[in-house]
Protein backbone atom coordinates (compact mmCIF):
# COMPACT_ATOMS: atom_id res chain seq x y z
CA MET A 1 -11.29 18.19 12.00
CA ARG A 2 -10.66 20.16 8.82
CA THR A 3 -7.81 18.91 6.65
CA THR A 4 -4.76 21.20 6.67
CA LEU A 5 -1.84 21.76 4.30
CA THR A 6 0.30 19.86 6.77
CA ASP A 7 -1.99 16.81 6.49
CA ILE A 8 -1.74 16.87 2.70
CA ALA A 9 2.04 17.37 2.79
CA ARG A 10 2.48 14.43 5.18
CA GLU A 11 0.39 12.08 3.02
CA ALA A 12 2.10 13.21 -0.20
CA GLY A 13 5.62 13.14 1.24
CA VAL A 14 6.35 16.76 0.24
CA SER A 15 6.73 20.09 2.00
CA THR A 16 3.87 22.40 2.87
CA ALA A 17 5.42 24.96 0.50
CA THR A 18 5.06 22.47 -2.36
CA VAL A 19 1.44 21.86 -1.43
CA ASP A 20 0.82 25.60 -1.38
CA ARG A 21 2.38 26.00 -4.86
CA VAL A 22 0.23 23.20 -6.25
CA LEU A 23 -3.05 24.42 -4.77
CA ASN A 24 -2.34 27.97 -5.99
CA ASN A 25 -1.28 26.72 -9.45
CA ARG A 26 2.24 28.13 -9.25
CA ASP A 27 5.23 26.94 -11.26
CA GLY A 28 8.19 24.97 -9.94
CA VAL A 29 6.49 21.62 -9.26
CA ARG A 30 6.92 18.47 -11.32
CA GLU A 31 3.72 17.32 -13.01
CA ARG A 32 3.69 13.94 -11.30
CA THR A 33 4.09 15.61 -7.89
CA ARG A 34 1.33 18.08 -8.76
CA GLU A 35 -1.02 15.23 -9.68
CA ARG A 36 -0.27 13.35 -6.48
CA VAL A 37 -0.84 16.40 -4.28
CA LEU A 38 -4.15 17.18 -6.01
CA SER A 39 -5.29 13.59 -5.67
CA ILE A 40 -4.48 13.46 -1.95
CA ALA A 41 -6.04 16.88 -1.33
CA ALA A 42 -9.23 15.66 -2.97
CA ASN A 43 -9.24 12.33 -1.14
CA LEU A 44 -8.76 14.08 2.20
CA GLY A 45 -11.72 16.35 1.50
CA TYR A 46 -9.66 19.55 1.19
CA LEU A 47 -10.86 20.49 -2.29
CA GLU A 48 -14.44 21.59 -2.74
CA GLU A 49 -16.49 19.41 -5.09
CA ALA A 50 -17.04 22.32 -7.47
CA ILE A 51 -13.34 22.89 -8.17
CA ARG A 52 -12.13 19.27 -8.24
CA PRO A 53 -12.84 18.68 -11.94
CA ALA A 54 -10.97 21.84 -12.89
CA LEU A 55 -7.87 20.97 -10.89
CA LEU A 56 -7.64 17.23 -11.36
CA PRO A 57 -6.06 15.98 -14.60
CA THR A 58 -7.99 13.73 -16.93
CA GLY A 59 -7.30 10.51 -18.79
CA GLN A 60 -3.75 9.28 -18.98
CA ALA A 61 -2.35 12.51 -17.53
CA PHE A 62 -3.24 11.30 -14.01
CA LEU A 63 -1.15 8.15 -14.15
CA PRO A 64 0.51 6.73 -17.25
CA GLY A 65 -0.98 3.60 -18.76
CA GLY A 66 -4.60 4.52 -19.37
CA ILE A 67 -7.77 3.61 -17.50
CA VAL A 68 -7.73 0.38 -15.46
CA ASP A 69 -10.67 -1.61 -14.11
CA ILE A 70 -10.49 -2.06 -10.33
CA ASP A 71 -13.06 -4.00 -8.31
CA ILE A 72 -13.60 -3.82 -4.55
CA VAL A 73 -15.62 -6.56 -2.84
CA LEU A 74 -17.02 -5.65 0.59
CA PRO A 75 -19.44 -7.38 2.98
CA GLY A 76 -22.93 -5.93 3.18
CA GLY A 77 -24.96 -5.40 6.34
CA THR A 78 -25.21 -2.89 9.18
CA ASN A 79 -21.46 -2.45 9.78
CA THR A 80 -21.06 1.34 9.82
CA PHE A 81 -17.30 1.21 9.29
CA ILE A 82 -17.66 -0.95 6.18
CA ASN A 83 -20.38 1.35 4.86
CA ASN A 84 -18.11 4.34 5.49
CA LEU A 85 -15.31 2.53 3.66
CA ALA A 86 -17.62 1.91 0.70
CA ASP A 87 -18.47 5.62 0.65
CA ARG A 88 -14.78 6.51 0.57
CA PHE A 89 -14.27 4.24 -2.44
CA ALA A 90 -17.20 5.99 -4.10
CA ASP A 91 -15.54 9.36 -3.40
CA ILE A 92 -12.34 8.14 -5.05
CA ALA A 93 -14.24 6.80 -8.06
CA ALA A 94 -15.66 10.29 -8.61
CA ILE A 95 -12.23 11.95 -8.80
CA ARG A 96 -9.99 9.30 -10.41
CA PRO A 97 -10.45 9.45 -14.18
CA ASP A 98 -7.64 6.92 -14.61
CA VAL A 99 -9.55 4.19 -12.73
CA ASN A 100 -12.87 2.54 -13.45
CA LEU A 101 -13.64 1.69 -9.82
CA ARG A 102 -16.52 -0.67 -9.05
CA VAL A 103 -17.64 -1.57 -5.53
CA HIS A 104 -19.53 -4.82 -4.92
CA SER A 105 -21.47 -5.70 -1.77
CA ILE A 106 -22.16 -9.33 -0.87
CA GLU A 107 -23.27 -11.30 2.18
CA GLY A 108 -20.23 -11.05 4.41
CA PHE A 109 -20.45 -14.44 6.10
CA GLU A 110 -21.02 -16.66 3.08
CA PRO A 111 -17.62 -17.79 1.77
CA VAL A 112 -19.15 -19.59 -1.21
CA LEU A 113 -20.83 -16.38 -2.41
CA LEU A 114 -17.57 -14.49 -2.05
CA ALA A 115 -15.68 -17.19 -3.96
CA GLU A 116 -18.29 -17.05 -6.74
CA LYS A 117 -17.95 -13.28 -6.99
CA LEU A 118 -14.16 -13.54 -7.24
CA GLU A 119 -14.47 -16.19 -9.95
CA ALA A 120 -16.87 -13.93 -11.86
CA LEU A 121 -14.28 -11.14 -11.81
CA ARG A 122 -11.63 -13.34 -13.43
CA GLY A 123 -11.15 -11.98 -16.94
CA ASN A 124 -13.28 -8.91 -16.16
CA SER A 125 -11.03 -7.00 -13.78
CA GLN A 126 -7.46 -5.74 -13.68
CA GLY A 127 -7.22 -5.55 -9.90
CA VAL A 128 -9.34 -6.77 -6.98
CA GLY A 129 -9.43 -5.67 -3.36
CA LEU A 130 -11.53 -7.55 -0.83
CA ILE A 131 -12.50 -8.05 2.77
CA GLY A 132 -12.98 -11.77 3.01
CA LEU A 133 -13.27 -14.74 5.29
CA ASP A 134 -10.14 -16.83 5.73
CA HIS A 135 -11.82 -19.93 4.28
CA PRO A 136 -10.59 -22.68 1.88
CA VAL A 137 -13.00 -21.80 -0.94
CA VAL A 138 -12.07 -18.12 -0.68
CA ARG A 139 -8.35 -18.89 -0.68
CA GLU A 140 -8.76 -21.11 -3.75
CA ALA A 141 -10.73 -18.40 -5.56
CA ILE A 142 -7.98 -15.87 -4.80
CA ARG A 143 -5.33 -18.29 -6.09
CA SER A 144 -7.35 -18.76 -9.28
CA LEU A 145 -7.81 -15.02 -9.74
CA ALA A 146 -4.14 -14.24 -9.09
CA GLY A 147 -3.12 -17.14 -11.34
CA SER A 148 -4.97 -15.49 -14.22
CA GLY A 149 -2.81 -12.39 -13.80
CA VAL A 150 -5.17 -10.25 -11.71
CA PRO A 151 -3.47 -8.58 -8.71
CA VAL A 152 -5.38 -9.16 -5.47
CA MET A 153 -5.19 -7.13 -2.28
CA THR A 154 -6.72 -7.89 1.11
CA LEU A 155 -8.33 -5.07 3.10
CA VAL A 156 -9.02 -4.62 6.84
CA SER A 157 -8.67 -8.38 7.53
CA ASP A 158 -5.85 -10.38 5.94
CA ILE A 159 -6.12 -13.90 4.45
CA SER A 160 -3.35 -16.44 4.96
CA HIS A 161 -1.39 -18.36 2.32
CA VAL A 162 -2.72 -16.60 -0.77
CA PRO A 163 -0.81 -14.81 -3.58
CA ARG A 164 -1.90 -11.25 -2.79
CA ILE A 165 0.14 -8.15 -3.57
CA GLY A 166 -0.35 -6.77 -0.08
CA TYR A 167 -2.62 -6.02 2.83
CA VAL A 168 -4.05 -2.59 3.70
CA GLY A 169 -5.27 -2.22 7.26
CA ILE A 170 -4.20 -2.06 10.86
CA ASP A 171 -2.22 -4.64 12.80
CA ASN A 172 -5.21 -6.45 14.28
CA ARG A 173 -3.21 -8.37 16.85
CA ALA A 174 -1.83 -5.07 18.16
CA ALA A 175 -5.36 -3.67 18.16
CA GLY A 176 -6.53 -6.55 20.36
CA ARG A 177 -3.64 -6.02 22.76
CA LEU A 178 -4.47 -2.33 22.96
CA ALA A 179 -8.11 -3.18 23.70
CA GLY A 180 -7.03 -5.49 26.52
CA TYR A 181 -4.74 -2.84 27.95
CA LEU A 182 -7.45 -0.18 27.87
CA LEU A 183 -10.10 -2.40 29.40
CA GLY A 184 -7.74 -3.49 32.16
CA ARG A 185 -6.80 0.12 32.93
CA PHE A 186 -10.44 1.22 33.09
CA MET A 187 -11.56 -1.61 35.36
CA LYS A 188 -12.03 -0.55 38.97
CA ALA A 189 -10.99 -3.92 40.40
CA GLU A 190 -8.16 -6.35 39.74
CA THR A 191 -10.62 -9.21 39.31
CA GLY A 192 -13.80 -9.45 37.29
CA LYS A 193 -15.72 -11.06 34.45
CA VAL A 194 -15.21 -9.98 30.85
CA ALA A 195 -17.15 -10.94 27.71
CA LEU A 196 -16.15 -10.75 24.04
CA PHE A 197 -18.26 -10.14 20.95
CA ALA A 198 -16.96 -10.91 17.44
CA GLY A 199 -18.45 -10.69 13.98
CA SER A 200 -16.93 -14.03 13.04
CA LEU A 201 -13.65 -15.65 13.95
CA SER A 202 -13.51 -16.79 10.32
CA TYR A 203 -12.28 -13.26 9.74
CA ARG A 204 -8.59 -13.50 10.42
CA GLY A 205 -8.62 -9.93 11.69
CA HIS A 206 -11.19 -10.77 14.36
CA GLU A 207 -9.28 -13.88 15.36
CA GLU A 208 -6.07 -11.85 15.67
CA ARG A 209 -7.80 -9.22 17.80
CA GLU A 210 -9.11 -11.92 20.11
CA MET A 211 -5.63 -13.45 20.44
CA GLY A 212 -4.04 -10.10 21.17
CA PHE A 213 -6.71 -9.30 23.77
CA ARG A 214 -6.34 -12.64 25.55
CA HIS A 215 -2.56 -12.37 25.62
CA MET A 216 -2.69 -8.89 27.15
CA LEU A 217 -5.06 -10.03 29.89
CA ARG A 218 -2.84 -13.01 30.70
CA GLU A 219 0.27 -10.84 30.83
CA GLU A 220 -1.00 -7.74 32.62
CA TYR A 221 -4.44 -8.47 34.13
CA PRO A 222 -4.54 -12.14 35.18
CA GLY A 223 -7.42 -11.46 37.57
CA LEU A 224 -9.79 -10.72 34.69
CA SER A 225 -11.51 -13.80 33.32
CA ILE A 226 -13.24 -14.13 29.94
CA VAL A 227 -16.58 -15.82 30.62
CA GLU A 228 -18.09 -15.81 27.10
CA LEU A 229 -17.38 -15.10 23.46
CA ARG A 230 -20.38 -14.55 21.19
CA GLU A 231 -20.24 -14.35 17.37
CA ILE A 232 -22.80 -11.83 16.13
CA ARG A 233 -22.04 -11.64 12.38
CA ASP A 234 -21.55 -7.86 12.68
CA ASP A 235 -25.33 -7.47 12.94
CA THR A 236 -26.81 -4.77 15.20
CA GLU A 237 -29.98 -6.64 16.19
CA ARG A 238 -28.13 -9.87 16.84
CA ALA A 239 -25.63 -7.95 18.95
CA TYR A 240 -28.50 -6.48 20.96
CA SER A 241 -30.21 -9.82 21.65
CA GLU A 242 -26.93 -11.53 22.57
CA ALA A 243 -25.98 -8.65 24.88
CA VAL A 244 -29.38 -8.73 26.61
CA ALA A 245 -28.99 -12.46 27.28
CA LEU A 246 -25.37 -12.01 28.38
CA LEU A 247 -26.23 -9.33 30.94
CA ALA A 248 -29.01 -11.50 32.33
CA ARG A 249 -26.66 -14.47 32.74
CA HIS A 250 -23.89 -12.40 34.35
CA PRO A 251 -25.27 -9.70 36.64
CA ASP A 252 -21.71 -9.10 37.87
CA LEU A 253 -20.20 -8.67 34.39
CA ALA A 254 -17.51 -5.98 34.57
CA GLY A 255 -16.26 -5.54 31.00
CA ILE A 256 -17.09 -6.02 27.32
CA TYR A 257 -14.76 -5.97 24.33
CA ASN A 258 -16.49 -5.83 20.96
CA ILE A 259 -14.02 -7.04 18.34
CA GLY A 260 -16.08 -6.04 15.31
CA ALA A 261 -19.33 -4.22 14.52
CA GLY A 262 -22.56 -4.18 16.52
CA ASN A 263 -21.71 -1.41 19.00
CA ARG A 264 -25.20 0.05 18.64
CA GLY A 265 -26.84 -3.18 19.76
CA ILE A 266 -24.52 -3.69 22.73
CA SER A 267 -24.89 -0.07 23.83
CA ARG A 268 -28.67 -0.31 23.64
CA ALA A 269 -28.66 -3.42 25.83
CA LEU A 270 -26.38 -1.75 28.39
CA GLN A 271 -28.54 1.35 28.52
CA GLU A 272 -31.80 -0.56 28.87
CA ALA A 273 -30.30 -2.61 31.70
CA GLY A 274 -29.03 0.54 33.42
CA ARG A 275 -25.49 -0.83 33.34
CA GLU A 276 -23.83 1.57 30.91
CA LYS A 277 -21.84 3.16 33.75
CA SER A 278 -20.88 -0.04 35.58
CA VAL A 279 -19.65 -2.16 32.63
CA VAL A 280 -16.45 -1.04 30.92
CA PHE A 281 -17.08 -1.17 27.16
CA VAL A 282 -14.26 -1.04 24.59
CA GLY A 283 -14.89 -1.35 20.85
CA HIS A 284 -13.68 -0.27 17.43
CA GLU A 285 -14.15 2.58 14.95
CA LEU A 286 -15.09 6.19 15.56
CA THR A 287 -18.45 6.53 13.76
CA GLU A 288 -21.44 8.78 14.26
CA HIS A 289 -22.82 6.11 16.62
CA THR A 290 -19.71 5.34 18.67
CA ARG A 291 -19.02 9.05 19.01
CA ARG A 292 -22.42 9.43 20.69
CA PHE A 293 -21.80 6.43 22.96
CA LEU A 294 -18.38 7.77 23.97
CA ILE A 295 -19.77 11.17 24.83
CA SER A 296 -22.58 9.64 26.91
CA GLY A 297 -20.18 7.30 28.71
CA THR A 298 -21.77 4.08 27.44
CA MET A 299 -18.49 3.27 25.65
CA ASP A 300 -15.18 3.95 27.34
CA ALA A 301 -12.84 3.75 24.33
CA ALA A 302 -12.91 3.12 20.59
CA ILE A 303 -9.86 1.98 18.61
CA ASP A 304 -10.08 3.81 15.31
CA GLN A 305 -8.64 3.43 11.84
CA ASN A 306 -8.94 5.70 8.81
CA PRO A 307 -11.18 4.37 6.00
CA ARG A 308 -10.30 7.31 3.76
CA VAL A 309 -6.58 6.55 3.91
CA GLU A 310 -7.16 2.80 3.53
CA ALA A 311 -9.36 3.27 0.46
CA ARG A 312 -6.87 5.61 -1.21
CA GLU A 313 -3.91 3.33 -0.46
CA ALA A 314 -5.75 0.29 -1.84
CA VAL A 315 -6.75 2.00 -5.08
CA ASP A 316 -3.28 3.48 -5.62
CA ARG A 317 -1.52 0.16 -5.11
CA LEU A 318 -4.00 -1.86 -7.17
CA ALA A 319 -3.80 0.64 -10.04
CA ARG A 320 -0.01 0.53 -10.02
CA ALA A 321 0.00 -3.26 -9.92
CA ALA A 322 -2.52 -3.41 -12.78
CA ARG A 323 -0.18 -1.25 -14.87
CA GLY A 324 2.77 -3.47 -14.02
CA GLU A 325 4.52 -0.78 -12.02
CA GLU A 326 6.54 -1.59 -8.93
CA ASN A 327 4.09 -1.98 -6.06
CA PRO A 328 5.11 -0.28 -2.79
CA THR A 329 4.27 -2.13 0.37
CA GLY A 330 3.29 1.04 2.21
CA PRO A 331 2.79 1.44 5.96
CA ALA A 332 -0.10 -0.09 7.85
CA THR A 333 -2.87 2.26 8.87
CA ARG A 334 -2.17 3.96 12.19
CA LEU A 335 -4.01 2.79 15.28
CA GLN A 336 -5.72 5.51 17.28
CA ALA A 337 -7.47 5.11 20.62
CA ILE A 338 -10.38 7.49 21.11
CA PHE A 339 -11.63 8.11 24.64
CA LYS A 340 -14.85 9.67 25.84
CA GLU A 341 -12.96 12.58 27.39
CA ASN A 342 -11.49 13.88 24.12
CA ILE A 343 -14.33 13.22 21.72
CA PRO A 344 -15.38 16.90 21.30
CA GLU A 345 -11.91 17.64 19.91
CA VAL A 346 -11.70 14.64 17.55
């Protein structure tokens, strides 16, 4: 859907009249408010690329304190949501002259490699955001980085017991509970077999989603039993092969909850087995692929979050922390459940 003045006003915390004055270059708006509205309008895709440079301020006029070096460390691979998130950071880098924003991609399931990257950024960055495994070597690297004076922020999946300035992402436990509720509502029987797929339970976010899902089934749908949980490292081909084997082992499987990425592989397996209409399939993120699966009926629901908002929030908070400004905690990203029936209007 096209971004509206109301969307910009809500994100900026101002009235639509203020947004209108800013976008039409009228007087009566404080410079800091004008800069914020222009930044949000650009991040939300409202401004055309051709007019962004003319409207956006340059250098220190955007935020006081000069240019700061911000680094974002994301897992590589076939995860469409993560790739979309990386693209949103790239969009921000193109319109934020006050931030030197660098995005790094590493193997997402190798904690030692992530720890080494964080160590390499010590002394070379003024703020680091990361999606990382909740692993001892990663926690120690974060402590070392933060101890050197570099603010660290976790994204999408939090990490426990580390000195980070905040977490930007959804409440993953609530997301898991919502997934359990949706799957239970869509099931045609009160009893049945359910299987889970996860990228890795070393991601705290995936572990929290699993916990929330299991708790919901115990509380509301005790007749549904979880027969398997497969870790697929957020890889499409691995998801496909695991799903093929799963469907062969359980011809009476009634439901699948995919905690992380790999929806393409699972959907392919369901379609090839002719079971896309008989197995309830709930996953995450509204992407070009999940949109297609929802419309076809292969997926029944996708729990979505907003990578554009998450990227902007992370950069804003890291930049403020790097300049020593008070860092707002900010709200968590809103959960949104997308169903196959309303996809054409999304």
